Amino acid sequence: MTDLSAISLDQLTDLAIRWTTSGFWATVTLVVGWTLAGWAERAVAGGLARIKVADPMLRGFFASLARWGLLTVTGIAVLERLGVQTTSLVTILGAAGLAVGLALQGTLSNLAAGVMLLLFRPFKVGDSIEAGALSGSVRQVSLFHTLLVTGDNIQVIAPNSVVWAASIRNMTQFPTRKVEIVVPLAYDAPVDETIARLRQLAAADPRIAADPAPGVALLRFAEKTVDVSVTIWVPTGEIGAIRSDLIAAIWRECRVGSG
């Protein structure tokens, strides 16, 4: 046990000054490093934003990478200011690597999944996707999580490992999408005439693609009706409006025809 009576006042004063100085410079290093990390993140994001070929997802990835890289360097510098030898720190981390790996396996899996998402790019910022139980418009992909916004404007922050492990459906990958509308007809309805009128209605809307051509066919026999399937190909961004307009036109046509 250290005999405090053997330590002189000058030694205590020198030790206090040394630790106070080290603590002060460690704090300064931490504040400066944290500030520079934030500045670097914004600078990288802003610089890549001026490059037209730089995808928004890649801008977010490299900006986040710059921030975490500087924070890592800052942490090492702070430890050096406090008198911790980095060589011994590496030895300690090597000895504790297994425990740390087990404790951070979820975080590391999110990091690995983030790299895979950015490498293979199954979607980009602005795409509407479904990944398992998740769905929404992609706003950001960072090192550890993917930010989605649902159709009712709710923010969802999903771990990258969850997104990567799910079957991803990209709803906006292609410029056109197939839409099906089921029209129930009474058993005594003039089926051939109705099918012809439905084809005319689909062909009359210029927003509906002519190739592939709209398809109208008998689908199934229901309990009280015969279901007719109307399939059309429309621009991905106009699915809701075109579907609604065509349903309204079919309803009006069927009312007139039944009258």
C-alpha atoms as a PDB file:
ATOM      1  CA  MET A   1       0.000   0.000   0.000  1.00  0.00           C
ATOM      2  CA  THR A   2       1.318   3.445  -0.931  1.00  0.00           C
ATOM      3  CA  ASP A   3       2.523   5.472   2.031  1.00  0.00           C
ATOM      4  CA  LEU A   4       0.984   8.896   1.451  1.00  0.00           C
ATOM      5  CA  SER A   5       3.166  10.381   4.189  1.00  0.00           C
ATOM      6  CA  ALA A   6       6.210   9.661   2.047  1.00  0.00           C
ATOM      7  CA  ILE A   7       4.884  11.856  -0.802  1.00  0.00           C
ATOM      8  CA  SER A   8       5.986  15.412  -0.530  1.00  0.00           C
ATOM      9  CA  LEU A   9       3.765  18.425  -1.123  1.00  0.00           C
ATOM     10  CA  ASP A  10       5.771  19.311  -4.231  1.00  0.00           C
ATOM     11  CA  GLN A  11       5.116  15.847  -5.678  1.00  0.00           C
ATOM     12  CA  LEU A  12       1.394  16.100  -4.975  1.00  0.00           C
ATOM     13  CA  THR A  13       1.298  19.544  -6.552  1.00  0.00           C
ATOM     14  CA  ASP A  14       3.202  18.320  -9.611  1.00  0.00           C
ATOM     15  CA  LEU A  15       0.866  15.306  -9.946  1.00  0.00           C
ATOM     16  CA  ALA A  16      -2.238  17.492  -9.658  1.00  0.00           C
ATOM     17  CA  ILE A  17      -0.929  19.916 -12.274  1.00  0.00           C
ATOM     18  CA  ARG A  18      -0.036  17.050 -14.596  1.00  0.00           C
ATOM     19  CA  TRP A  19      -3.485  15.429 -14.355  1.00  0.00           C
ATOM     20  CA  THR A  20      -5.267  18.760 -14.625  1.00  0.00           C
ATOM     21  CA  THR A  21      -3.283  19.639 -17.737  1.00  0.00           C
ATOM     22  CA  SER A  22      -3.861  16.197 -19.269  1.00  0.00           C
ATOM     23  CA  GLY A  23      -7.575  16.377 -18.477  1.00  0.00           C
ATOM     24  CA  PHE A  24      -7.832  19.875 -19.949  1.00  0.00           C
ATOM     25  CA  TRP A  25      -6.120  18.928 -23.210  1.00  0.00           C
ATOM     26  CA  ALA A  26      -8.089  15.681 -23.400  1.00  0.00           C
ATOM     27  CA  THR A  27     -11.317  17.690 -23.108  1.00  0.00           C
ATOM     28  CA  VAL A  28     -10.126  20.168 -25.731  1.00  0.00           C
ATOM     29  CA  THR A  29      -9.184  17.286 -28.042  1.00  0.00           C
ATOM     30  CA  LEU A  30     -12.591  15.667 -27.548  1.00  0.00           C
ATOM     31  CA  VAL A  31     -14.503  18.903 -28.263  1.00  0.00           C
ATOM     32  CA  VAL A  32     -12.371  19.753 -31.310  1.00  0.00           C
ATOM     33  CA  GLY A  33     -12.585  16.192 -32.641  1.00  0.00           C
ATOM     34  CA  TRP A  34     -16.361  16.048 -32.161  1.00  0.00           C
ATOM     35  CA  THR A  35     -16.759  19.403 -33.929  1.00  0.00           C
ATOM     36  CA  LEU A  36     -14.497  18.371 -36.800  1.00  0.00           C
ATOM     37  CA  ALA A  37     -16.371  15.088 -37.183  1.00  0.00           C
ATOM     38  CA  GLY A  38     -19.673  16.957 -37.606  1.00  0.00           C
ATOM     39  CA  TRP A  39     -18.066  19.437 -39.994  1.00  0.00           C
ATOM     40  CA  ALA A  40     -16.493  16.610 -42.036  1.00  0.00           C
ATOM     41  CA  GLU A  41     -19.837  14.819 -42.299  1.00  0.00           C
ATOM     42  CA  ARG A  42     -21.535  17.955 -43.634  1.00  0.00           C
ATOM     43  CA  ALA A  43     -18.612  18.802 -45.930  1.00  0.00           C
ATOM     44  CA  VAL A  44     -18.516  15.333 -47.513  1.00  0.00           C
ATOM     45  CA  ALA A  45     -22.291  15.280 -47.963  1.00  0.00           C
ATOM     46  CA  GLY A  46     -22.265  18.777 -49.471  1.00  0.00           C
ATOM     47  CA  GLY A  47     -19.316  18.038 -51.752  1.00  0.00           C
ATOM     48  CA  LEU A  48     -20.824  14.826 -53.102  1.00  0.00           C
ATOM     49  CA  ALA A  49     -24.173  16.590 -53.568  1.00  0.00           C
ATOM     50  CA  ARG A  50     -22.526  18.734 -56.242  1.00  0.00           C
ATOM     51  CA  ILE A  51     -21.510  15.590 -58.160  1.00  0.00           C
ATOM     52  CA  LYS A  52     -24.449  14.584 -60.318  1.00  0.00           C
ATOM     53  CA  VAL A  53     -23.487  10.917 -60.562  1.00  0.00           C
ATOM     54  CA  ALA A  54     -23.211  10.538 -56.774  1.00  0.00           C
ATOM     55  CA  ASP A  55     -26.212   8.613 -55.482  1.00  0.00           C
ATOM     56  CA  PRO A  56     -27.871  10.084 -52.346  1.00  0.00           C
ATOM     57  CA  MET A  57     -27.358   6.769 -50.531  1.00  0.00           C
ATOM     58  CA  LEU A  58     -23.626   6.875 -51.241  1.00  0.00           C
ATOM     59  CA  ARG A  59     -23.461  10.483 -50.065  1.00  0.00           C
ATOM     60  CA  GLY A  60     -24.989   9.492 -46.747  1.00  0.00           C
ATOM     61  CA  PHE A  61     -22.686   6.466 -46.454  1.00  0.00           C
ATOM     62  CA  PHE A  62     -19.436   8.342 -47.044  1.00  0.00           C
ATOM     63  CA  ALA A  63     -20.556  11.254 -44.868  1.00  0.00           C
ATOM     64  CA  SER A  64     -21.284   8.867 -42.016  1.00  0.00           C
ATOM     65  CA  LEU A  65     -17.998   7.048 -42.645  1.00  0.00           C
ATOM     66  CA  ALA A  66     -16.055  10.326 -42.407  1.00  0.00           C
ATOM     67  CA  ARG A  67     -17.769  11.206 -39.126  1.00  0.00           C
ATOM     68  CA  TRP A  68     -17.127   7.845 -37.456  1.00  0.00           C
ATOM     69  CA  GLY A  69     -13.559   7.727 -38.745  1.00  0.00           C
ATOM     70  CA  LEU A  70     -12.722  11.085 -37.165  1.00  0.00           C
ATOM     71  CA  LEU A  71     -14.482  10.119 -33.945  1.00  0.00           C
ATOM     72  CA  THR A  72     -12.323   6.980 -33.759  1.00  0.00           C
ATOM     73  CA  VAL A  73      -9.155   9.016 -34.223  1.00  0.00           C
ATOM     74  CA  THR A  74     -10.408  11.489 -31.616  1.00  0.00           C
ATOM     75  CA  GLY A  75     -10.983   8.697 -29.100  1.00  0.00           C
ATOM     76  CA  ILE A  76      -7.423   7.416 -29.554  1.00  0.00           C
ATOM     77  CA  ALA A  77      -6.021  10.940 -29.228  1.00  0.00           C
ATOM     78  CA  VAL A  78      -7.985  11.531 -26.015  1.00  0.00           C
ATOM     79  CA  LEU A  79      -6.612   8.333 -24.517  1.00  0.00           C
ATOM     80  CA  GLU A  80      -3.077   9.391 -25.433  1.00  0.00           C
ATOM     81  CA  ARG A  81      -3.642  12.741 -23.743  1.00  0.00           C
ATOM     82  CA  LEU A  82      -4.661  10.869 -20.602  1.00  0.00           C
ATOM     83  CA  GLY A  83      -1.434   8.888 -20.687  1.00  0.00           C
ATOM     84  CA  VAL A  84      -2.802   5.621 -22.046  1.00  0.00           C
ATOM     85  CA  GLN A  85      -0.310   3.896 -24.333  1.00  0.00           C
ATOM     86  CA  THR A  86      -2.023   2.913 -27.591  1.00  0.00           C
ATOM     87  CA  THR A  87       0.193  -0.131 -27.998  1.00  0.00           C
ATOM     88  CA  SER A  88      -0.992  -1.526 -24.700  1.00  0.00           C
ATOM     89  CA  LEU A  89      -4.535  -0.553 -25.676  1.00  0.00           C
ATOM     90  CA  VAL A  90      -4.297  -2.724 -28.785  1.00  0.00           C
ATOM     91  CA  THR A  91      -3.146  -5.622 -26.633  1.00  0.00           C
ATOM     92  CA  ILE A  92      -6.050  -5.127 -24.250  1.00  0.00           C
ATOM     93  CA  LEU A  93      -8.537  -4.911 -27.100  1.00  0.00           C
ATOM     94  CA  GLY A  94      -7.099  -8.060 -28.623  1.00  0.00           C
ATOM     95  CA  ALA A  95      -7.553  -9.926 -25.373  1.00  0.00           C
ATOM     96  CA  ALA A  96     -11.096  -8.661 -25.005  1.00  0.00           C
ATOM     97  CA  GLY A  97     -11.962  -9.039 -28.691  1.00  0.00           C
ATOM     98  CA  LEU A  98     -14.162 -12.085 -28.276  1.00  0.00           C
ATOM     99  CA  ALA A  99     -16.272 -10.502 -25.533  1.00  0.00           C
ATOM    100  CA  VAL A 100     -16.593  -7.228 -27.423  1.00  0.00           C
ATOM    101  CA  GLY A 101     -17.503  -9.074 -30.617  1.00  0.00           C
ATOM    102  CA  LEU A 102     -20.268 -10.983 -28.873  1.00  0.00           C
ATOM    103  CA  ALA A 103     -21.563  -7.806 -27.233  1.00  0.00           C
ATOM    104  CA  LEU A 104     -21.566  -5.865 -30.502  1.00  0.00           C
ATOM    105  CA  GLN A 105     -22.631  -8.617 -32.874  1.00  0.00           C
ATOM    106  CA  GLY A 106     -25.952  -6.866 -33.554  1.00  0.00           C
ATOM    107  CA  THR A 107     -24.205  -3.568 -34.328  1.00  0.00           C
ATOM    108  CA  LEU A 108     -21.588  -5.267 -36.489  1.00  0.00           C
ATOM    109  CA  SER A 109     -24.271  -7.154 -38.408  1.00  0.00           C
ATOM    110  CA  ASN A 110     -26.038  -3.842 -39.060  1.00  0.00           C
ATOM    111  CA  LEU A 111     -22.748  -2.372 -40.305  1.00  0.00           C
ATOM    112  CA  ALA A 112     -22.116  -5.336 -42.597  1.00  0.00           C
ATOM    113  CA  ALA A 113     -25.694  -5.207 -43.893  1.00  0.00           C
ATOM    114  CA  GLY A 114     -25.339  -1.468 -44.538  1.00  0.00           C
ATOM    115  CA  VAL A 115     -22.240  -2.088 -46.627  1.00  0.00           C
ATOM    116  CA  MET A 116     -24.078  -4.792 -48.601  1.00  0.00           C
ATOM    117  CA  LEU A 117     -27.066  -2.513 -49.214  1.00  0.00           C
ATOM    118  CA  LEU A 118     -24.793   0.239 -50.507  1.00  0.00           C
ATOM    119  CA  LEU A 119     -22.738  -2.208 -52.581  1.00  0.00           C
ATOM    120  CA  PHE A 120     -25.573  -4.070 -54.312  1.00  0.00           C
ATOM    121  CA  ARG A 121     -28.069  -1.162 -54.159  1.00  0.00           C
ATOM    122  CA  PRO A 122     -31.401  -3.033 -54.271  1.00  0.00           C
ATOM    123  CA  PHE A 123     -33.046   0.377 -53.844  1.00  0.00           C
ATOM    124  CA  LYS A 124     -32.126   4.046 -53.787  1.00  0.00           C
ATOM    125  CA  VAL A 125     -33.302   7.111 -51.913  1.00  0.00           C
ATOM    126  CA  GLY A 126     -36.844   7.971 -52.996  1.00  0.00           C
ATOM    127  CA  ASP A 127     -37.838   4.396 -53.866  1.00  0.00           C
ATOM    128  CA  SER A 128     -40.952   2.904 -52.294  1.00  0.00           C
ATOM    129  CA  ILE A 129     -40.112  -0.522 -50.882  1.00  0.00           C
ATOM    130  CA  GLU A 130     -41.478  -3.397 -48.841  1.00  0.00           C
ATOM    131  CA  ALA A 131     -39.007  -5.366 -46.719  1.00  0.00           C
ATOM    132  CA  GLY A 132     -40.785  -7.982 -44.658  1.00  0.00           C
ATOM    133  CA  ALA A 133     -43.175  -6.157 -42.343  1.00  0.00           C
ATOM    134  CA  LEU A 134     -41.602  -2.798 -43.225  1.00  0.00           C
ATOM    135  CA  SER A 135     -42.859  -0.538 -45.992  1.00  0.00           C
ATOM    136  CA  GLY A 136     -42.355   3.070 -46.986  1.00  0.00           C
ATOM    137  CA  SER A 137     -40.321   5.512 -49.010  1.00  0.00           C
ATOM    138  CA  VAL A 138     -36.540   5.382 -48.487  1.00  0.00           C
ATOM    139  CA  ARG A 139     -35.136   8.649 -47.107  1.00  0.00           C
ATOM    140  CA  GLN A 140     -31.656   7.592 -45.963  1.00  0.00           C
ATOM    141  CA  VAL A 141     -29.329   4.603 -45.675  1.00  0.00           C
ATOM    142  CA  SER A 142     -26.560   5.048 -43.081  1.00  0.00           C
ATOM    143  CA  LEU A 143     -23.937   2.661 -41.739  1.00  0.00           C
ATOM    144  CA  PHE A 144     -26.286   1.155 -39.172  1.00  0.00           C
ATOM    145  CA  HIS A 145     -29.900   1.880 -40.114  1.00  0.00           C
ATOM    146  CA  THR A 146     -32.299   2.642 -42.955  1.00  0.00           C
ATOM    147  CA  LEU A 147     -34.747   5.527 -42.605  1.00  0.00           C
ATOM    148  CA  LEU A 148     -38.211   5.012 -44.129  1.00  0.00           C
ATOM    149  CA  VAL A 149     -41.297   7.226 -44.246  1.00  0.00           C
ATOM    150  CA  THR A 150     -44.640   5.434 -44.489  1.00  0.00           C
ATOM    151  CA  GLY A 151     -47.575   6.490 -46.643  1.00  0.00           C
ATOM    152  CA  ASP A 152     -49.239   8.129 -43.629  1.00  0.00           C
ATOM    153  CA  ASN A 153     -46.054  10.176 -42.939  1.00  0.00           C
ATOM    154  CA  ILE A 154     -44.640   8.151 -40.048  1.00  0.00           C
ATOM    155  CA  GLN A 155     -40.880   7.836 -39.704  1.00  0.00           C
ATOM    156  CA  VAL A 156     -39.513   4.294 -39.378  1.00  0.00           C
ATOM    157  CA  ILE A 157     -35.875   3.661 -38.418  1.00  0.00           C
ATOM    158  CA  ALA A 158     -35.035   0.054 -39.282  1.00  0.00           C
ATOM    159  CA  PRO A 159     -31.749  -1.765 -38.521  1.00  0.00           C
ATOM    160  CA  ASN A 160     -29.896  -2.566 -41.725  1.00  0.00           C
ATOM    161  CA  SER A 161     -29.692  -6.244 -40.786  1.00  0.00           C
ATOM    162  CA  VAL A 162     -33.502  -6.462 -40.714  1.00  0.00           C
ATOM    163  CA  VAL A 163     -33.822  -4.842 -44.136  1.00  0.00           C
ATOM    164  CA  TRP A 164     -31.059  -6.923 -45.739  1.00  0.00           C
ATOM    165  CA  ALA A 165     -32.378 -10.210 -44.324  1.00  0.00           C
ATOM    166  CA  ALA A 166     -35.910  -9.629 -45.674  1.00  0.00           C
ATOM    167  CA  SER A 167     -37.239 -10.138 -49.188  1.00  0.00           C
ATOM    168  CA  ILE A 168     -37.154  -6.628 -50.631  1.00  0.00           C
ATOM    169  CA  ARG A 169     -39.901  -5.526 -53.007  1.00  0.00           C
ATOM    170  CA  ASN A 170     -39.000  -2.326 -54.840  1.00  0.00           C
ATOM    171  CA  MET A 171     -42.328  -0.811 -55.909  1.00  0.00           C
ATOM    172  CA  THR A 172     -40.756   2.000 -57.960  1.00  0.00           C
ATOM    173  CA  GLN A 173     -37.870   0.207 -59.661  1.00  0.00           C
ATOM    174  CA  PHE A 174     -39.586   0.122 -63.064  1.00  0.00           C
ATOM    175  CA  PRO A 175     -41.411   2.975 -64.822  1.00  0.00           C
ATOM    176  CA  THR A 176     -44.652   1.022 -65.324  1.00  0.00           C
ATOM    177  CA  ARG A 177     -46.708  -1.331 -63.175  1.00  0.00           C
ATOM    178  CA  LYS A 178     -49.513  -3.794 -63.854  1.00  0.00           C
ATOM    179  CA  VAL A 179     -52.863  -2.987 -62.244  1.00  0.00           C
ATOM    180  CA  GLU A 180     -55.841  -5.324 -62.058  1.00  0.00           C
ATOM    181  CA  ILE A 181     -59.456  -4.259 -61.515  1.00  0.00           C
ATOM    182  CA  VAL A 182     -62.113  -6.899 -60.899  1.00  0.00           C
ATOM    183  CA  VAL A 183     -65.597  -6.036 -62.224  1.00  0.00           C
ATOM    184  CA  PRO A 184     -68.522  -8.175 -60.959  1.00  0.00           C
ATOM    185  CA  LEU A 185     -71.283  -8.794 -63.516  1.00  0.00           C
ATOM    186  CA  ALA A 186     -74.705 -10.312 -62.977  1.00  0.00           C
ATOM    187  CA  TYR A 187     -75.259 -13.717 -64.593  1.00  0.00           C
ATOM    188  CA  ASP A 188     -77.839 -12.237 -66.959  1.00  0.00           C
ATOM    189  CA  ALA A 189     -75.586  -9.330 -68.034  1.00  0.00           C
ATOM    190  CA  PRO A 190     -74.502  -9.091 -71.694  1.00  0.00           C
ATOM    191  CA  VAL A 191     -70.971 -10.355 -71.102  1.00  0.00           C
ATOM    192  CA  ASP A 192     -69.563  -9.914 -74.625  1.00  0.00           C
ATOM    193  CA  GLU A 193     -70.860  -6.351 -74.940  1.00  0.00           C
ATOM    194  CA  THR A 194     -69.574  -5.446 -71.461  1.00  0.00           C
ATOM    195  CA  ILE A 195     -66.123  -6.817 -72.215  1.00  0.00           C
ATOM    196  CA  ALA A 196     -66.007  -4.783 -75.424  1.00  0.00           C
ATOM    197  CA  ARG A 197     -67.031  -1.606 -73.559  1.00  0.00           C
ATOM    198  CA  LEU A 198     -64.379  -2.230 -70.879  1.00  0.00           C
ATOM    199  CA  ARG A 199     -61.697  -2.559 -73.556  1.00  0.00           C
ATOM    200  CA  GLN A 200     -62.841   0.735 -75.081  1.00  0.00           C
ATOM    201  CA  LEU A 201     -62.717   2.493 -71.712  1.00  0.00           C
ATOM    202  CA  ALA A 202     -59.169   1.272 -71.052  1.00  0.00           C
ATOM    203  CA  ALA A 203     -58.015   2.246 -74.542  1.00  0.00           C
ATOM    204  CA  ALA A 204     -59.570   5.716 -74.241  1.00  0.00           C
ATOM    205  CA  ASP A 205     -57.302   6.790 -71.371  1.00  0.00           C
ATOM    206  CA  PRO A 206     -54.010   8.079 -72.846  1.00  0.00           C
ATOM    207  CA  ARG A 207     -52.204   7.406 -69.564  1.00  0.00           C
ATOM    208  CA  ILE A 208     -52.756   3.662 -69.954  1.00  0.00           C
ATOM    209  CA  ALA A 209     -50.057   1.913 -71.993  1.00  0.00           C
ATOM    210  CA  ALA A 210     -51.019   0.551 -75.389  1.00  0.00           C
ATOM    211  CA  ASP A 211     -48.193  -2.003 -75.230  1.00  0.00           C
ATOM    212  CA  PRO A 212     -48.759  -4.250 -73.394  1.00  0.00           C
ATOM    213  CA  ALA A 213     -52.372  -3.763 -74.396  1.00  0.00           C
ATOM    214  CA  PRO A 214     -55.133  -3.703 -71.760  1.00  0.00           C
ATOM    215  CA  GLY A 215     -56.544  -7.141 -71.096  1.00  0.00           C
ATOM    216  CA  VAL A 216     -60.183  -7.970 -70.306  1.00  0.00           C
ATOM    217  CA  ALA A 217     -61.158 -11.559 -69.548  1.00  0.00           C
ATOM    218  CA  LEU A 218     -63.568 -13.637 -67.491  1.00  0.00           C
ATOM    219  CA  LEU A 219     -61.927 -14.392 -64.160  1.00  0.00           C
ATOM    220  CA  ARG A 220     -64.172 -16.674 -62.109  1.00  0.00           C
ATOM    221  CA  PHE A 221     -67.732 -17.609 -61.188  1.00  0.00           C
ATOM    222  CA  ALA A 222     -68.789 -16.127 -57.871  1.00  0.00           C
ATOM    223  CA  GLU A 223     -71.929 -16.899 -55.903  1.00  0.00           C
ATOM    224  CA  LYS A 224     -74.099 -14.265 -57.559  1.00  0.00           C
ATOM    225  CA  THR A 225     -71.817 -12.709 -60.163  1.00  0.00           C
ATOM    226  CA  VAL A 226     -69.335 -13.434 -62.901  1.00  0.00           C
ATOM    227  CA  ASP A 227     -66.072 -11.600 -62.207  1.00  0.00           C
ATOM    228  CA  VAL A 228     -64.312  -9.904 -65.103  1.00  0.00           C
ATOM    229  CA  SER A 229     -60.636  -8.985 -64.796  1.00  0.00           C
ATOM    230  CA  VAL A 230     -59.362  -5.739 -66.351  1.00  0.00           C
ATOM    231  CA  THR A 231     -55.542  -5.560 -66.439  1.00  0.00           C
ATOM    232  CA  ILE A 232     -53.699  -2.426 -67.500  1.00  0.00           C
ATOM    233  CA  TRP A 233     -50.123  -1.116 -67.459  1.00  0.00           C
ATOM    234  CA  VAL A 234     -49.695   2.404 -66.094  1.00  0.00           C
ATOM    235  CA  PRO A 235     -46.879   4.764 -65.006  1.00  0.00           C
ATOM    236  CA  THR A 236     -45.716   3.816 -61.509  1.00  0.00           C
ATOM    237  CA  GLY A 237     -46.264   7.278 -60.057  1.00  0.00           C
ATOM    238  CA  GLU A 238     -49.860   7.543 -61.319  1.00  0.00           C
ATOM    239  CA  ILE A 239     -51.288   4.195 -60.228  1.00  0.00           C
ATOM    240  CA  GLY A 240     -53.726   5.580 -57.660  1.00  0.00           C
ATOM    241  CA  ALA A 241     -55.193   8.307 -59.877  1.00  0.00           C
ATOM    242  CA  ILE A 242     -55.550   6.128 -62.990  1.00  0.00           C
ATOM    243  CA  ARG A 243     -57.067   3.246 -61.051  1.00  0.00           C
ATOM    244  CA  SER A 244     -59.620   5.544 -59.414  1.00  0.00           C
ATOM    245  CA  ASP A 245     -60.542   7.233 -62.702  1.00  0.00           C
ATOM    246  CA  LEU A 246     -60.968   3.919 -64.515  1.00  0.00           C
ATOM    247  CA  ILE A 247     -63.134   2.449 -61.742  1.00  0.00           C
ATOM    248  CA  ALA A 248     -65.355   5.547 -61.883  1.00  0.00           C
ATOM    249  CA  ALA A 249     -65.625   5.269 -65.679  1.00  0.00           C
ATOM    250  CA  ILE A 250     -66.490   1.559 -65.449  1.00  0.00           C
ATOM    251  CA  TRP A 251     -69.133   2.255 -62.815  1.00  0.00           C
ATOM    252  CA  ARG A 252     -70.747   4.951 -64.958  1.00  0.00           C
ATOM    253  CA  GLU A 253     -70.625   2.744 -68.055  1.00  0.00           C
ATOM    254  CA  CYS A 254     -72.126  -0.239 -66.270  1.00  0.00           C
ATOM    255  CA  ARG A 255     -74.946   1.935 -64.853  1.00  0.00           C
ATOM    256  CA  VAL A 256     -75.752   3.270 -68.297  1.00  0.00           C
ATOM    257  CA  GLY A 257     -75.574  -0.216 -69.792  1.00  0.00           C
ATOM    258  CA  SER A 258     -77.830  -1.705 -67.117  1.00  0.00           C
ATOM    259  CA  GLY A 259     -80.308   1.112 -67.567  1.00  0.00           C
END
